[in-house]
Amino acid sequence: MEAGRLQSPISIIVLLPFNTKQRSLPHRLPSFARSIRASSNLQRGYRGPKPRREWVADWVSRNDDVVRTFPIYVGGISLLAVLFNRSLSGIALVSDAGSSQSRADLLTLGLAVTNILTGLVWLSIRPKTILVVNPEGVECQRINSHLPDFVVSELLWAWESLSVATICRSLVIVYDGEFIFQIGFAAASPASDKEAVPVDANNLMQGSLYQSVLKSGSQSYLANLSLYPGKSQLPFLPSNTQAVILQPLGDEGIAIIGGDTIRGFTTSLQAWISLIGEKLDATLTKFVNNKPPVAVHDRV
């Protein structure tokens, strides 16, 4: 099945931070970037096999309170049944260790009490409900003005993929000591509620989060950002960002991915994000290597 082509070209206005100049992206992006949006139409016409439903798991999730009290009922009924059987069997109620019936009754009583205690524990300890949080901030899209079109297309592709397939709501990229990309939700500036807090690449690179990620060369996952004191080093993210992935881009940069759900990035998503980071690193490395040298003039 082939994905349909977009009928209208894409036009995006780019807002740049600090002293960078505002510019518009090319009126028509490369077909590689446009094909991402068109691929969303494939889901509507999907005719392949569908995943099998887990009826037991669905029933348990819908009847959570009943399932938690079920061991108490089973234990209570078992306890009454043992006592009733003991009274009708003609055996003395006082346990006799020399009787096989008494030993069986003691074992059954122990299992019944265990069921009752298990039910009480299930009722007293409940997992905390994890909810999706709407980011408190403003939406922004800032791109370094010196980036060529093929790098911009790659960055937009990465954002499109992450925002659709994961809980990603913010994406910031710093590479080769420079700010590269900021998109999604950002913290509102104290000066104006409609302006986003810009990314200070120098302060970010001096922080312990950035240094530890580059030193280890591996992804760092802050599953519950509120528990980490290092969150103060990410002032450009919304204040209620729930989870953050710090993905190194080779030895020269980092991608900061903010999510709206605690522990919302699964292990498979983390591995997939690592692959996206390698792809972005290859693209940005090509751009840095082909960057024209800056002319230096001697001062008289």
Protein backbone atom coordinates (compact mmCIF):
# COMPACT_ATOMS: atom_id res chain seq x y z
CA MET A 1 0.00 0.00 0.00
CA GLU A 2 1.45 3.34 -0.98
CA ALA A 3 1.14 6.44 1.14
CA GLY A 4 -0.73 9.31 -0.48
CA ARG A 5 1.08 12.50 -1.36
CA LEU A 6 0.30 15.74 0.37
CA GLN A 7 -1.69 18.06 -1.83
CA SER A 8 -0.42 21.30 -0.29
CA PRO A 9 3.17 22.31 0.44
CA ILE A 10 4.36 22.82 4.00
CA SER A 11 5.26 26.31 5.16
CA ILE A 12 6.87 26.79 8.57
CA ILE A 13 7.99 30.00 10.24
CA VAL A 14 11.07 29.56 12.42
CA LEU A 15 11.60 31.66 15.55
CA LEU A 16 15.26 32.01 16.50
CA PRO A 17 16.60 32.88 19.97
CA PHE A 18 18.96 35.65 21.03
CA ASN A 19 20.62 37.47 18.17
CA THR A 20 19.77 35.02 15.45
CA LYS A 21 17.61 36.35 12.65
CA GLN A 22 14.13 35.10 11.90
CA ARG A 23 13.75 33.23 8.68
CA SER A 24 11.27 31.07 6.86
CA LEU A 25 11.94 27.51 5.89
CA PRO A 26 11.86 26.72 2.18
CA HIS A 27 8.37 26.76 0.78
CA ARG A 28 8.69 23.10 -0.11
CA LEU A 29 10.56 20.74 2.14
CA PRO A 30 12.29 17.69 0.64
CA SER A 31 10.00 14.81 -0.13
CA PHE A 32 11.69 12.78 2.63
CA ALA A 33 10.30 15.12 5.30
CA ARG A 34 6.86 15.43 3.72
CA SER A 35 6.40 11.69 3.49
CA ILE A 36 6.22 11.44 7.28
CA ARG A 37 2.89 13.22 7.49
CA ALA A 38 1.52 11.27 4.58
CA SER A 39 2.41 7.99 6.26
CA SER A 40 -0.18 8.66 8.97
CA ASN A 41 -2.86 7.80 6.42
CA LEU A 42 -1.65 4.20 6.37
CA GLN A 43 -3.18 3.50 9.77
CA ARG A 44 -6.69 4.30 8.56
CA GLY A 45 -6.60 1.73 5.78
CA TYR A 46 -4.79 -1.02 7.69
CA ARG A 47 -6.12 -4.47 6.74
CA GLY A 48 -3.58 -6.69 8.51
CA PRO A 49 -4.05 -8.89 11.60
CA LYS A 50 -5.08 -7.16 14.80
CA PRO A 51 -3.59 -7.91 18.23
CA ARG A 52 -5.46 -10.44 20.33
CA ARG A 53 -7.37 -9.10 23.32
CA GLU A 54 -6.51 -10.33 26.79
CA TRP A 55 -9.95 -10.94 28.26
CA VAL A 56 -8.71 -11.86 31.74
CA ALA A 57 -6.44 -8.81 32.00
CA ASP A 58 -9.25 -6.52 30.78
CA TRP A 59 -11.70 -7.95 33.31
CA VAL A 60 -9.22 -7.58 36.17
CA SER A 61 -8.47 -3.95 35.25
CA ARG A 62 -12.20 -3.13 35.17
CA ASN A 63 -12.96 -4.89 38.49
CA ASP A 64 -9.94 -3.92 40.54
CA ASP A 65 -11.78 -3.61 43.88
CA VAL A 66 -13.47 -7.00 43.51
CA VAL A 67 -10.18 -8.73 42.69
CA ARG A 68 -8.46 -7.17 45.71
CA THR A 69 -11.16 -8.40 48.12
CA PHE A 70 -11.43 -11.84 46.53
CA PRO A 71 -8.71 -13.47 48.75
CA ILE A 72 -10.60 -12.30 51.87
CA TYR A 73 -13.80 -14.03 50.74
CA VAL A 74 -11.93 -17.19 49.77
CA GLY A 75 -10.07 -17.28 53.08
CA GLY A 76 -13.20 -16.60 55.14
CA ILE A 77 -15.25 -19.26 53.35
CA SER A 78 -12.40 -21.77 53.71
CA LEU A 79 -12.12 -21.05 57.44
CA LEU A 80 -15.85 -21.55 57.98
CA ALA A 81 -15.80 -24.72 55.91
CA VAL A 82 -13.01 -26.23 58.03
CA LEU A 83 -14.82 -25.44 61.27
CA PHE A 84 -18.10 -26.79 59.92
CA ASN A 85 -16.43 -29.98 58.71
CA ARG A 86 -14.73 -30.36 62.11
CA SER A 87 -18.01 -30.10 63.97
CA LEU A 88 -19.77 -32.69 61.75
CA SER A 89 -16.91 -35.19 61.68
CA GLY A 90 -17.32 -36.12 65.35
CA ILE A 91 -13.71 -35.28 66.11
CA ALA A 92 -13.00 -33.18 69.16
CA LEU A 93 -12.62 -29.49 68.45
CA VAL A 94 -9.32 -29.45 70.31
CA SER A 95 -6.58 -30.25 67.81
CA ASP A 96 -4.85 -33.54 68.21
CA ALA A 97 -1.42 -33.79 66.62
CA GLY A 98 -1.72 -37.58 66.43
CA SER A 99 -4.74 -37.38 64.10
CA SER A 100 -4.24 -37.02 60.34
CA GLN A 101 -7.52 -35.09 60.15
CA SER A 102 -6.25 -32.59 62.69
CA ARG A 103 -3.04 -32.06 60.76
CA ALA A 104 -4.99 -31.52 57.54
CA ASP A 105 -7.29 -29.05 59.28
CA LEU A 106 -4.35 -27.09 60.68
CA LEU A 107 -2.82 -26.84 57.20
CA THR A 108 -6.14 -25.67 55.74
CA LEU A 109 -6.56 -23.10 58.51
CA GLY A 110 -3.09 -21.74 57.78
CA LEU A 111 -3.90 -21.37 54.09
CA ALA A 112 -7.22 -19.68 54.89
CA VAL A 113 -5.58 -17.15 57.22
CA THR A 114 -2.91 -16.49 54.59
CA ASN A 115 -5.60 -15.69 52.02
CA ILE A 116 -7.31 -13.29 54.42
CA LEU A 117 -4.04 -11.48 55.19
CA THR A 118 -3.22 -11.28 51.48
CA GLY A 119 -6.55 -9.63 50.76
CA LEU A 120 -6.00 -7.09 53.55
CA VAL A 121 -2.57 -6.24 52.14
CA TRP A 122 -4.00 -5.80 48.64
CA LEU A 123 -6.62 -3.40 50.00
CA SER A 124 -4.16 -1.34 52.02
CA ILE A 125 -1.46 -1.06 49.33
CA ARG A 126 -2.59 0.33 46.00
CA PRO A 127 -0.38 1.42 43.11
CA LYS A 128 -0.28 5.13 42.49
CA THR A 129 -2.21 6.16 39.41
CA ILE A 130 0.06 7.73 36.82
CA LEU A 131 -1.70 10.42 34.84
CA VAL A 132 -0.75 12.36 31.74
CA VAL A 133 0.06 15.98 32.65
CA ASN A 134 -0.52 18.89 30.32
CA PRO A 135 2.72 20.89 30.09
CA GLU A 136 2.57 24.33 31.69
CA GLY A 137 4.25 26.61 29.21
CA VAL A 138 4.12 27.94 25.69
CA GLU A 139 4.65 26.23 22.37
CA CYS A 140 7.67 27.34 20.43
CA GLN A 141 9.82 26.37 17.47
CA ARG A 142 13.32 27.77 17.27
CA ILE A 143 15.98 26.68 14.81
CA ASN A 144 19.51 27.94 14.39
CA SER A 145 19.60 30.19 11.32
CA HIS A 146 22.87 28.70 10.03
CA LEU A 147 21.48 25.21 9.50
CA PRO A 148 21.06 24.04 5.90
CA ASP A 149 17.76 22.65 4.68
CA PHE A 150 18.74 18.99 4.89
CA VAL A 151 19.58 19.37 8.61
CA VAL A 152 16.31 21.20 9.28
CA SER A 153 14.38 18.42 7.55
CA GLU A 154 16.17 15.83 9.67
CA LEU A 155 15.38 17.69 12.89
CA LEU A 156 11.71 18.06 11.98
CA TRP A 157 11.56 14.38 11.11
CA ALA A 158 12.99 13.49 14.53
CA TRP A 159 10.46 15.71 16.29
CA GLU A 160 7.58 14.30 14.22
CA SER A 161 8.61 10.75 15.09
CA LEU A 162 9.11 11.37 18.81
CA SER A 163 5.96 13.42 19.34
CA VAL A 164 3.75 10.86 17.58
CA ALA A 165 5.22 7.61 18.88
CA THR A 166 6.21 8.60 22.45
CA ILE A 167 5.19 10.88 25.30
CA CYS A 168 7.68 13.50 24.10
CA ARG A 169 6.36 17.07 24.43
CA SER A 170 9.63 19.01 24.36
CA LEU A 171 12.83 18.60 22.37
CA VAL A 172 16.05 20.62 22.73
CA ILE A 173 19.30 19.94 20.87
CA VAL A 174 22.70 21.49 21.56
CA TYR A 175 25.62 20.48 19.36
CA ASP A 176 29.22 21.56 18.93
CA GLY A 177 28.81 24.17 21.66
CA GLU A 178 25.89 25.89 19.91
CA PHE A 179 22.14 25.94 20.23
CA ILE A 180 20.60 23.97 17.38
CA PHE A 181 16.93 23.23 17.93
CA GLN A 182 14.04 23.83 20.35
CA ILE A 183 10.49 22.72 19.63
CA GLY A 184 7.35 21.75 21.49
CA PHE A 185 6.45 23.11 24.90
CA ALA A 186 8.84 25.36 26.77
CA ALA A 187 8.77 27.32 30.01
CA ALA A 188 7.20 30.75 29.74
CA SER A 189 9.54 33.70 30.07
CA PRO A 190 9.08 35.86 33.20
CA ALA A 191 9.08 38.96 31.01
CA SER A 192 6.24 37.75 28.79
CA ASP A 193 3.88 34.79 29.19
CA LYS A 194 3.76 34.37 25.41
CA GLU A 195 7.53 34.08 24.98
CA ALA A 196 9.49 30.90 25.67
CA VAL A 197 12.60 30.77 27.85
CA PRO A 198 15.57 30.57 25.44
CA VAL A 199 18.17 27.85 25.70
CA ASP A 200 21.50 29.08 27.07
CA ALA A 201 23.93 26.57 25.57
CA ASN A 202 26.88 27.77 27.66
CA ASN A 203 25.10 27.33 31.01
CA LEU A 204 23.75 23.97 29.92
CA MET A 205 27.18 22.64 28.96
CA GLN A 206 28.66 23.74 32.28
CA GLY A 207 26.03 21.83 34.27
CA SER A 208 26.60 18.43 35.86
CA LEU A 209 23.83 16.77 33.81
CA TYR A 210 25.46 17.64 30.50
CA GLN A 211 28.95 16.75 31.69
CA SER A 212 27.93 13.37 33.14
CA VAL A 213 26.07 12.35 29.98
CA LEU A 214 28.96 13.23 27.69
CA LYS A 215 31.45 11.58 30.02
CA SER A 216 29.52 8.32 30.17
CA GLY A 217 28.56 8.42 26.49
CA SER A 218 25.28 6.66 27.30
CA GLN A 219 21.66 7.70 27.61
CA SER A 220 20.45 9.03 30.97
CA TYR A 221 16.79 8.55 31.87
CA LEU A 222 15.25 10.71 34.61
CA ALA A 223 12.00 8.76 35.03
CA ASN A 224 10.59 11.15 37.65
CA LEU A 225 12.15 14.55 37.10
CA SER A 226 10.73 16.07 40.31
CA LEU A 227 12.98 13.78 42.38
CA TYR A 228 16.21 15.02 40.76
CA PRO A 229 17.84 18.25 42.00
CA GLY A 230 19.50 18.60 38.59
CA LYS A 231 16.20 19.72 37.09
CA SER A 232 17.23 23.30 37.91
CA GLN A 233 19.75 23.00 35.06
CA LEU A 234 16.84 22.66 32.60
CA PRO A 235 14.98 25.98 33.11
CA PHE A 236 13.79 26.01 29.49
CA LEU A 237 11.54 22.97 30.02
CA PRO A 238 7.99 23.36 31.41
CA SER A 239 7.96 23.37 35.22
CA ASN A 240 5.73 20.27 35.36
CA THR A 241 7.77 18.13 32.97
CA GLN A 242 7.39 14.60 34.31
CA ALA A 243 10.26 12.66 32.72
CA VAL A 244 13.39 13.55 30.75
CA ILE A 245 15.75 11.59 28.54
CA LEU A 246 19.25 12.98 28.06
CA GLN A 247 20.50 11.45 24.82
CA PRO A 248 24.14 12.12 23.87
CA LEU A 249 24.81 12.94 20.23
CA GLY A 250 28.26 11.50 19.79
CA ASP A 251 30.91 13.44 21.70
CA GLU A 252 29.75 16.88 20.61
CA GLY A 253 26.16 17.37 21.69
CA ILE A 254 23.05 16.30 23.52
CA ALA A 255 19.32 15.94 22.86
CA ILE A 256 16.98 16.70 25.76
CA ILE A 257 13.58 15.02 25.47
CA GLY A 258 10.85 16.00 27.93
CA GLY A 259 7.75 13.87 28.52
CA ASP A 260 4.35 14.39 30.13
CA THR A 261 4.12 11.09 32.05
CA ILE A 262 6.20 9.66 34.90
CA ARG A 263 8.10 6.56 33.75
CA GLY A 264 6.43 6.93 30.36
CA PHE A 265 9.46 5.96 28.27
CA THR A 266 9.65 2.18 28.08
CA THR A 267 12.87 0.23 27.55
CA SER A 268 12.10 -0.29 23.87
CA LEU A 269 11.43 3.43 23.40
CA GLN A 270 14.72 4.29 25.08
CA ALA A 271 16.58 1.99 22.69
CA TRP A 272 14.73 3.51 19.72
CA ILE A 273 15.59 7.04 20.88
CA SER A 274 19.25 6.01 21.05
CA LEU A 275 19.08 5.04 17.37
CA ILE A 276 17.50 8.38 16.50
CA GLY A 277 20.31 10.08 18.41
CA GLU A 278 22.91 8.26 16.33
CA LYS A 279 21.15 9.34 13.14
CA LEU A 280 21.02 12.98 14.26
CA ASP A 281 24.67 12.83 15.26
CA ALA A 282 25.65 11.62 11.79
CA THR A 283 23.66 14.43 10.14
CA LEU A 284 24.98 17.18 12.43
CA THR A 285 28.55 15.88 12.07
CA LYS A 286 28.25 16.19 8.29
CA PHE A 287 27.04 19.77 8.72
CA VAL A 288 29.87 20.70 11.11
CA ASN A 289 32.52 19.15 8.88
CA ASN A 290 31.23 21.02 5.82
CA LYS A 291 30.86 24.32 7.65
CA PRO A 292 32.94 27.01 5.92
CA PRO A 293 35.79 28.35 8.05
CA VAL A 294 35.33 31.73 9.65
CA ALA A 295 37.66 34.38 8.30
CA VAL A 296 39.84 36.02 10.95
CA HIS A 297 41.07 39.57 10.36
CA ASP A 298 43.99 41.06 12.24
CA ARG A 299 43.20 44.19 14.15
CA VAL A 300 45.49 47.15 13.40
